[in-house]
Amino acid sequence: MSRAAGVLWKDSRVLTRLHELRRRSARSEGDASGARLEHRLRDRRNNFDVLRLLAASFVLFSHSYALTAHREPFADVSGWTFGEIGVVMFFAMSGFLIAKSWTEQPRLLPFAVKRGLRLIPALVVAVCVTVFVVGPIFTVLPLSSYFTDPTTWIYLVRCSFLITFFGKLPGVFLTNPYPDAVNGSLWTLPVEACCYAMAAVLGSLGVLRRSQLLFVLAVLLVLFVTPLSSISLAPAGGTTSGNFPLVMMLVATFVLGSLAYSVRARLHLSWLIGAALMALWILTWGGGWARATGIVAVAFAVLVLAFRTPASLRRLTAPGDLSYGIYVYAFPVQQSVAAIWGAIDPLLMMAIAFPVTYGLAFLSWRLVERPALGLKRLVAPRPAEPAPVVRVGAPKTSP
């Protein structure tokens, strides 16, 4: 090796080492002052999968009360059910990650394909399981009547195309404590799909890159669920169809998540700020502002928890991202339990339904979701990242 080449090699190694030290120093400074979101994003490791699992478990826990005709204690205190908290968590994470996905690859077709592969295949399989397994077992009608009833096939087609609200199957769960509801959790999926479409429109118009416009939109949507709007007078909640106030909460939360990504360079993931927002939410419990303060607090909390909690938590999701499977299978599993045992204790319902749902979610992930997501590389490949350029100065020559 020539002397000049040797000097170049040594300079390159020194610069690489300096870059690594500077990165570690910046990380330390960020940890000390409430790390900036942009800095945290440089490390792809996060706990979003763990939070999605927690959110899906919240929904299952909440429905364990509703589907056994029990009042959820936390709702009496706060006005929120754990199910609402779980769904708001989902939409906050979704808004953030969808904005990130569009920014990294701002093309309509790949965006639509990726979103479709995430939602549709597992949903169609879950709907088929409900129609062809759960329905025949629990319908009070003869099987010939069940399969010749147009409602059966309408349910199959509607739900497969994300028209999932007001879904019923003939004669199924008619005598349950929460009767005539087959899979009430699915009503949020068309709202999620509409939020994806909204993100595509905002991205195409350049709004996702303009934090001021996103901020205005987020504020307007949040105001819709405050006492300043007549919408806030309507009751929140709902298991089978939802309602307009809750829909507005979810859309506002989605936009808040997108706004967080837009201002990532200035947003500090501070535990202190998160605690202050949670305290504000608690102070407004029982009042008209609880929805607005709640979605802001939860949206910020999921980002702090995603990026500033221990990496060891990811052991919980080592089997895979089972949250979507839990979400789409929990309700019919719980209704099946209720059909067999009636209005049992909610915690007993949770104990029976969770492991069954977890097993179905595991199969859904391994057999349906993961293979479907693998297709994204074929139909919507990620753009190649440019190789880092290391610049070194000209080598010194000997006199």
Protein backbone atom coordinates (compact mmCIF):
# COMPACT_ATOMS: atom_id res chain seq x y z
CA MET A 1 0.00 0.00 0.00
CA SER A 2 1.38 3.42 -0.96
CA ARG A 3 1.97 6.05 1.68
CA ALA A 4 -0.81 8.28 0.31
CA ALA A 5 -3.29 5.41 0.35
CA GLY A 6 -2.31 4.55 3.91
CA VAL A 7 -2.88 8.11 5.03
CA LEU A 8 -6.29 8.15 3.33
CA TRP A 9 -7.25 4.93 5.08
CA LYS A 10 -6.18 6.26 8.49
CA ASP A 11 -7.98 9.58 7.94
CA SER A 12 -11.13 7.72 6.94
CA ARG A 13 -11.05 5.63 10.09
CA VAL A 14 -10.46 8.68 12.27
CA LEU A 15 -13.38 10.54 10.71
CA THR A 16 -15.65 7.53 11.13
CA ARG A 17 -14.64 7.28 14.78
CA LEU A 18 -15.25 11.02 15.31
CA HIS A 19 -18.67 10.70 13.71
CA GLU A 20 -19.54 7.83 16.05
CA LEU A 21 -18.37 9.80 19.10
CA ARG A 22 -20.36 12.84 17.99
CA ARG A 23 -23.48 10.67 17.51
CA ARG A 24 -23.10 9.17 20.97
CA SER A 25 -22.56 12.62 22.46
CA ALA A 26 -25.70 13.93 20.77
CA ARG A 27 -27.66 10.95 22.06
CA SER A 28 -26.41 11.61 25.60
CA GLU A 29 -27.32 15.27 25.37
CA GLY A 30 -30.75 14.34 24.00
CA ASP A 31 -31.36 11.90 26.86
CA ALA A 32 -30.45 14.56 29.40
CA SER A 33 -32.75 17.25 28.02
CA GLY A 34 -35.70 15.27 26.65
CA ALA A 35 -34.55 13.74 23.36
CA ARG A 36 -35.69 15.29 20.14
CA LEU A 37 -37.95 13.05 18.11
CA GLU A 38 -35.86 13.52 14.98
CA HIS A 39 -32.80 12.23 16.78
CA ARG A 40 -34.69 9.19 18.08
CA LEU A 41 -35.89 8.37 14.57
CA ARG A 42 -32.33 7.84 13.39
CA ASP A 43 -32.37 4.68 15.45
CA ARG A 44 -35.02 2.44 13.90
CA ARG A 45 -35.48 0.54 17.14
CA ASN A 46 -38.69 1.43 18.98
CA ASN A 47 -41.50 -0.13 20.98
CA PHE A 48 -44.44 0.59 18.69
CA ASP A 49 -45.22 -3.13 18.38
CA VAL A 50 -45.35 -3.41 22.17
CA LEU A 51 -47.69 -0.43 22.40
CA ARG A 52 -49.96 -1.84 19.71
CA LEU A 53 -50.13 -5.10 21.67
CA LEU A 54 -51.02 -3.10 24.79
CA ALA A 55 -53.68 -1.11 22.91
CA ALA A 56 -55.30 -4.29 21.53
CA SER A 57 -55.28 -5.77 25.03
CA PHE A 58 -56.99 -2.63 26.35
CA VAL A 59 -59.79 -3.11 23.81
CA LEU A 60 -60.18 -6.78 24.74
CA PHE A 61 -60.22 -5.88 28.46
CA SER A 62 -62.84 -3.19 27.92
CA HIS A 63 -65.09 -5.45 25.87
CA SER A 64 -64.87 -8.07 28.62
CA TYR A 65 -67.07 -5.70 30.64
CA ALA A 66 -69.40 -4.59 27.83
CA LEU A 67 -70.03 -8.12 26.55
CA THR A 68 -70.84 -9.49 30.02
CA ALA A 69 -73.25 -6.63 30.85
CA HIS A 70 -70.94 -5.07 33.43
CA ARG A 71 -70.02 -1.43 33.84
CA GLU A 72 -66.32 -0.69 33.42
CA PRO A 73 -65.11 0.91 36.68
CA PHE A 74 -62.57 3.22 35.03
CA ALA A 75 -65.30 4.70 32.84
CA ASP A 76 -67.25 5.79 35.92
CA VAL A 77 -64.23 7.74 37.14
CA SER A 78 -62.79 9.19 33.94
CA GLY A 79 -65.56 9.06 31.36
CA TRP A 80 -63.23 7.00 29.17
CA THR A 81 -63.25 3.24 28.66
CA PHE A 82 -60.02 1.31 28.24
CA GLY A 83 -61.29 0.42 24.79
CA GLU A 84 -61.41 4.10 23.81
CA ILE A 85 -57.89 4.62 25.16
CA GLY A 86 -56.66 1.63 23.17
CA VAL A 87 -58.24 2.83 19.93
CA VAL A 88 -56.87 6.36 20.42
CA MET A 89 -53.44 4.83 20.94
CA PHE A 90 -53.79 2.97 17.63
CA PHE A 91 -54.75 6.12 15.74
CA ALA A 92 -51.97 8.21 17.28
CA MET A 93 -49.36 5.66 16.24
CA SER A 94 -50.98 5.23 12.85
CA GLY A 95 -50.97 8.97 12.12
CA PHE A 96 -47.29 9.21 13.00
CA LEU A 97 -46.15 6.15 11.05
CA ILE A 98 -48.34 6.86 8.02
CA ALA A 99 -46.94 10.39 7.75
CA LYS A 100 -43.46 8.90 7.98
CA SER A 101 -44.27 6.32 5.31
CA TRP A 102 -45.61 8.93 2.90
CA THR A 103 -42.66 11.26 3.47
CA GLU A 104 -40.19 8.49 2.74
CA GLN A 105 -42.03 7.31 -0.39
CA PRO A 106 -44.53 9.96 -1.59
CA ARG A 107 -46.17 7.92 -4.34
CA LEU A 108 -49.87 7.05 -4.38
CA LEU A 109 -49.75 3.52 -5.77
CA PRO A 110 -47.08 2.12 -3.40
CA PHE A 111 -48.77 3.91 -0.51
CA ALA A 112 -52.17 2.41 -1.32
CA VAL A 113 -50.72 -1.05 -1.87
CA LYS A 114 -48.91 -1.05 1.46
CA ARG A 115 -51.99 0.11 3.34
CA GLY A 116 -54.18 -2.45 1.60
CA LEU A 117 -51.80 -5.32 2.34
CA ARG A 118 -51.81 -4.38 6.01
CA LEU A 119 -55.59 -4.19 6.42
CA ILE A 120 -57.37 -6.38 3.89
CA PRO A 121 -55.89 -9.94 3.86
CA ALA A 122 -56.12 -10.56 7.60
CA LEU A 123 -59.55 -8.92 7.73
CA VAL A 124 -60.93 -11.13 4.94
CA VAL A 125 -59.66 -14.28 6.66
CA ALA A 126 -61.11 -13.17 10.01
CA VAL A 127 -64.47 -12.43 8.37
CA CYS A 128 -64.44 -15.87 6.70
CA VAL A 129 -63.69 -17.54 10.04
CA THR A 130 -66.59 -15.64 11.59
CA VAL A 131 -69.03 -16.51 8.78
CA PHE A 132 -68.06 -20.15 8.21
CA VAL A 133 -67.00 -21.26 11.70
CA VAL A 134 -68.42 -19.02 14.43
CA GLY A 135 -71.73 -18.36 12.70
CA PRO A 136 -72.72 -22.00 12.05
CA ILE A 137 -71.79 -22.97 15.62
CA PHE A 138 -73.78 -20.27 17.40
CA THR A 139 -76.71 -19.47 15.12
CA VAL A 140 -80.12 -20.48 16.42
CA LEU A 141 -81.27 -21.12 12.85
CA PRO A 142 -80.92 -24.39 10.94
CA LEU A 143 -77.74 -24.38 8.89
CA SER A 144 -79.73 -24.46 5.68
CA SER A 145 -81.53 -21.28 6.72
CA TYR A 146 -78.30 -19.67 7.87
CA PHE A 147 -76.47 -20.26 4.59
CA THR A 148 -79.42 -19.35 2.37
CA ASP A 149 -80.12 -16.12 4.20
CA PRO A 150 -78.82 -13.19 2.08
CA THR A 151 -77.64 -11.47 5.28
CA THR A 152 -74.89 -14.07 5.66
CA TRP A 153 -73.39 -13.31 2.27
CA ILE A 154 -73.98 -9.58 2.54
CA TYR A 155 -72.02 -9.61 5.78
CA LEU A 156 -69.17 -11.51 4.13
CA VAL A 157 -68.92 -9.14 1.16
CA ARG A 158 -69.49 -5.89 3.07
CA CYS A 159 -66.93 -6.60 5.77
CA SER A 160 -64.35 -7.81 3.25
CA PHE A 161 -64.63 -4.42 1.57
CA LEU A 162 -64.25 -2.52 4.86
CA ILE A 163 -67.95 -1.76 5.27
CA THR A 164 -67.79 -3.19 8.76
CA PHE A 165 -70.33 -1.20 10.78
CA PHE A 166 -73.75 -2.58 11.74
CA GLY A 167 -72.63 -6.10 10.84
CA LYS A 168 -74.96 -8.93 11.83
CA LEU A 169 -75.25 -12.62 11.03
CA PRO A 170 -78.65 -14.33 11.05
CA GLY A 171 -79.47 -15.91 14.38
CA VAL A 172 -75.95 -15.44 15.82
CA PHE A 173 -75.51 -14.33 19.45
CA LEU A 174 -79.17 -13.34 19.76
CA THR A 175 -79.40 -14.24 23.45
CA ASN A 176 -76.02 -12.91 24.56
CA PRO A 177 -75.82 -10.23 27.28
CA TYR A 178 -74.77 -7.91 24.43
CA PRO A 179 -77.02 -9.38 21.72
CA ASP A 180 -76.85 -9.46 17.95
CA ALA A 181 -73.30 -8.08 17.62
CA VAL A 182 -70.82 -10.28 15.77
CA ASN A 183 -67.61 -8.26 15.66
CA GLY A 184 -68.13 -4.76 16.97
CA SER A 185 -64.43 -3.91 16.97
CA LEU A 186 -64.33 -3.75 13.18
CA TRP A 187 -66.22 -0.46 12.96
CA THR A 188 -62.95 1.50 13.37
CA LEU A 189 -61.35 -0.03 10.27
CA PRO A 190 -63.21 2.09 7.70
CA VAL A 191 -62.32 5.14 9.79
CA GLU A 192 -58.69 4.04 9.64
CA ALA A 193 -58.93 3.57 5.87
CA CYS A 194 -60.44 7.03 5.48
CA CYS A 195 -57.56 8.46 7.50
CA TYR A 196 -55.13 6.74 5.13
CA ALA A 197 -56.92 8.37 2.19
CA MET A 198 -56.81 11.72 3.97
CA ALA A 199 -53.07 11.32 4.54
CA ALA A 200 -52.57 10.57 0.84
CA VAL A 201 -54.49 13.72 -0.11
CA LEU A 202 -52.63 15.87 2.39
CA GLY A 203 -49.34 14.36 1.27
CA SER A 204 -50.10 14.97 -2.40
CA LEU A 205 -50.93 18.60 -1.62
CA GLY A 206 -47.73 19.01 0.37
CA VAL A 207 -49.55 19.62 3.65
CA LEU A 208 -47.74 16.81 5.48
CA ARG A 209 -44.52 18.76 4.99
CA ARG A 210 -46.02 22.04 6.22
CA SER A 211 -46.30 21.84 9.97
CA GLN A 212 -48.15 25.17 10.24
CA LEU A 213 -51.03 23.93 8.09
CA LEU A 214 -51.11 20.59 9.90
CA PHE A 215 -51.18 22.42 13.22
CA VAL A 216 -54.19 24.48 12.14
CA LEU A 217 -55.99 21.35 10.93
CA ALA A 218 -55.22 19.49 14.17
CA VAL A 219 -56.47 22.38 16.31
CA LEU A 220 -59.71 22.63 14.34
CA LEU A 221 -60.35 18.89 14.66
CA VAL A 222 -59.59 18.89 18.39
CA LEU A 223 -61.96 21.83 18.90
CA PHE A 224 -64.74 19.72 17.41
CA VAL A 225 -64.68 17.52 20.54
CA THR A 226 -64.62 20.37 23.07
CA PRO A 227 -67.55 22.31 24.61
CA LEU A 228 -66.93 24.92 21.90
CA SER A 229 -68.63 22.54 19.46
CA SER A 230 -72.12 21.08 19.62
CA ILE A 231 -70.63 17.72 18.64
CA SER A 232 -69.23 17.36 22.14
CA LEU A 233 -72.77 17.16 23.56
CA ALA A 234 -73.31 13.74 21.99
CA PRO A 235 -72.33 10.71 24.09
CA ALA A 236 -69.07 8.95 23.29
CA GLY A 237 -68.53 5.20 23.17
CA GLY A 238 -70.17 2.41 21.26
CA THR A 239 -69.30 -1.18 20.51
CA THR A 240 -71.03 -2.04 17.27
CA SER A 241 -71.15 1.21 15.31
CA GLY A 242 -69.33 3.97 17.18
CA ASN A 243 -70.62 7.51 16.88
CA PHE A 244 -69.67 10.80 15.34
CA PRO A 245 -67.90 12.32 18.39
CA LEU A 246 -65.70 9.27 18.73
CA VAL A 247 -64.98 9.29 14.99
CA MET A 248 -63.90 12.93 15.28
CA MET A 249 -61.68 12.03 18.24
CA LEU A 250 -59.96 9.35 16.17
CA VAL A 251 -59.47 11.56 13.12
CA ALA A 252 -58.10 14.36 15.31
CA THR A 253 -55.74 11.89 16.99
CA PHE A 254 -54.51 10.64 13.62
CA VAL A 255 -53.72 14.21 12.53
CA LEU A 256 -51.96 14.86 15.86
CA GLY A 257 -49.74 11.86 15.16
CA SER A 258 -48.99 13.20 11.66
CA LEU A 259 -48.24 16.63 13.13
CA ALA A 260 -45.76 15.06 15.55
CA TYR A 261 -43.83 13.61 12.63
CA SER A 262 -43.94 16.93 10.79
CA VAL A 263 -42.38 18.79 13.76
CA ARG A 264 -39.99 15.99 14.67
CA ALA A 265 -36.98 18.31 14.51
CA ARG A 266 -38.45 20.48 17.28
CA LEU A 267 -40.42 17.99 19.34
CA HIS A 268 -38.76 16.83 22.56
CA LEU A 269 -39.91 13.53 23.98
CA SER A 270 -39.87 14.72 27.56
CA TRP A 271 -41.25 12.64 30.40
CA LEU A 272 -42.04 15.89 32.22
CA ILE A 273 -44.19 17.20 29.35
CA GLY A 274 -45.93 13.84 29.11
CA ALA A 275 -46.68 13.87 32.84
CA ALA A 276 -48.03 17.43 32.63
CA LEU A 277 -50.37 16.49 29.77
CA MET A 278 -51.58 13.44 31.68
CA ALA A 279 -52.21 15.59 34.77
CA LEU A 280 -54.21 18.04 32.65
CA TRP A 281 -56.27 15.17 31.27
CA ILE A 282 -56.97 13.83 34.77
CA LEU A 283 -58.02 17.29 35.96
CA THR A 284 -60.62 17.46 33.19
CA TRP A 285 -62.16 14.02 33.83
CA GLY A 286 -65.92 14.22 33.97
CA GLY A 287 -65.99 17.52 32.07
CA GLY A 288 -66.49 18.58 28.49
CA TRP A 289 -62.78 19.05 27.82
CA ALA A 290 -61.74 15.50 28.74
CA ARG A 291 -61.88 14.25 25.16
CA ALA A 292 -59.60 16.99 23.84
CA THR A 293 -57.06 16.80 26.67
CA GLY A 294 -57.18 13.01 26.53
CA ILE A 295 -56.31 12.61 22.87
CA VAL A 296 -53.44 15.12 23.18
CA ALA A 297 -52.08 13.39 26.28
CA VAL A 298 -52.37 9.88 24.83
CA ALA A 299 -50.92 10.91 21.46
CA PHE A 300 -47.84 12.40 23.13
CA ALA A 301 -47.54 9.53 25.60
CA VAL A 302 -47.35 6.84 22.92
CA LEU A 303 -44.40 8.60 21.28
CA VAL A 304 -42.52 8.95 24.56
CA LEU A 305 -43.21 5.32 25.42
CA ALA A 306 -42.29 4.13 21.92
CA PHE A 307 -38.86 5.75 21.91
CA ARG A 308 -37.88 6.10 25.56
CA THR A 309 -38.77 2.76 27.15
CA PRO A 310 -36.36 -0.18 27.54
CA ALA A 311 -35.52 -2.31 24.53
CA SER A 312 -36.11 -5.40 26.69
CA LEU A 313 -39.87 -4.83 26.34
CA ARG A 314 -39.61 -6.03 22.76
CA ARG A 315 -39.41 -9.57 24.10
CA LEU A 316 -43.20 -9.33 24.45
CA THR A 317 -43.53 -9.10 20.69
CA ALA A 318 -40.89 -11.67 19.79
CA PRO A 319 -43.58 -13.98 18.29
CA GLY A 320 -44.56 -11.17 15.91
CA ASP A 321 -46.83 -8.15 15.65
CA LEU A 322 -50.01 -9.82 16.90
CA SER A 323 -51.95 -6.65 17.69
CA TYR A 324 -54.07 -6.59 14.53
CA GLY A 325 -54.96 -10.25 14.89
CA ILE A 326 -55.99 -9.70 18.50
CA TYR A 327 -58.09 -6.75 17.43
CA VAL A 328 -60.02 -8.54 14.68
CA TYR A 329 -60.54 -11.84 16.54
CA ALA A 330 -61.14 -10.77 20.15
CA PHE A 331 -64.76 -9.69 19.82
CA PRO A 332 -66.17 -12.87 18.21
CA VAL A 333 -64.12 -14.97 20.63
CA GLN A 334 -65.54 -13.04 23.58
CA GLN A 335 -69.07 -13.27 22.20
CA SER A 336 -68.57 -17.02 21.84
CA VAL A 337 -67.52 -17.22 25.48
CA ALA A 338 -70.57 -15.17 26.48
CA ALA A 339 -72.83 -17.45 24.40
CA ILE A 340 -71.55 -20.45 26.34
CA TRP A 341 -71.29 -19.02 29.86
CA GLY A 342 -73.53 -15.96 29.82
CA ALA A 343 -72.83 -12.85 31.90
CA ILE A 344 -69.74 -14.21 33.65
CA ASP A 345 -67.28 -12.10 35.61
CA PRO A 346 -65.40 -9.75 33.25
CA LEU A 347 -61.99 -10.80 34.52
CA LEU A 348 -62.90 -14.46 33.99
CA MET A 349 -63.99 -13.51 30.46
CA MET A 350 -60.59 -11.89 29.96
CA ALA A 351 -58.79 -14.96 31.31
CA ILE A 352 -60.64 -17.29 28.93
CA ALA A 353 -60.72 -15.11 25.83
CA PHE A 354 -57.21 -13.69 25.81
CA PRO A 355 -55.22 -16.92 25.28
CA VAL A 356 -57.66 -18.13 22.60
CA THR A 357 -57.47 -14.78 20.82
CA TYR A 358 -53.69 -14.69 21.16
CA GLY A 359 -53.44 -18.10 19.50
CA LEU A 360 -55.63 -17.01 16.59
CA ALA A 361 -53.62 -13.80 16.26
CA PHE A 362 -50.40 -15.80 16.16
CA LEU A 363 -51.76 -17.94 13.33
CA SER A 364 -53.00 -14.82 11.55
CA TRP A 365 -49.56 -13.22 11.76
CA ARG A 366 -47.63 -16.28 10.62
CA LEU A 367 -50.01 -17.53 7.92
CA VAL A 368 -51.61 -14.33 6.60
CA GLU A 369 -50.22 -11.00 7.73
CA ARG A 370 -46.48 -11.61 7.51
CA PRO A 371 -46.68 -13.24 4.04
CA ALA A 372 -48.94 -10.40 2.84
CA LEU A 373 -46.58 -7.74 4.17
CA GLY A 374 -43.72 -9.53 2.42
CA LEU A 375 -45.39 -8.69 -0.88
CA LYS A 376 -44.73 -5.00 -0.27
CA ARG A 377 -41.16 -5.51 -1.40
CA LEU A 378 -42.40 -6.68 -4.79
CA VAL A 379 -45.18 -4.20 -5.49
CA ALA A 380 -43.93 -1.22 -3.48
CA PRO A 381 -40.16 -1.53 -3.01
CA ARG A 382 -38.51 1.00 -0.74
CA PRO A 383 -36.28 3.48 -2.56
CA ALA A 384 -32.61 2.67 -2.22
CA GLU A 385 -30.87 4.79 0.37
CA PRO A 386 -27.78 6.55 -0.92
CA ALA A 387 -24.54 5.24 0.45
CA PRO A 388 -22.90 7.58 2.97
CA VAL A 389 -20.12 9.70 1.55
CA VAL A 390 -16.99 10.01 3.61
CA ARG A 391 -14.96 13.05 2.68
CA VAL A 392 -11.34 13.23 3.63
CA GLY A 393 -8.86 15.94 3.09
CA ALA A 394 -5.97 15.64 0.68
CA PRO A 395 -3.08 13.70 2.20
CA LYS A 396 -0.12 15.67 3.36
CA THR A 397 2.97 15.13 1.28
CA SER A 398 6.43 15.00 2.60
CA PRO A 399 8.61 17.95 1.78
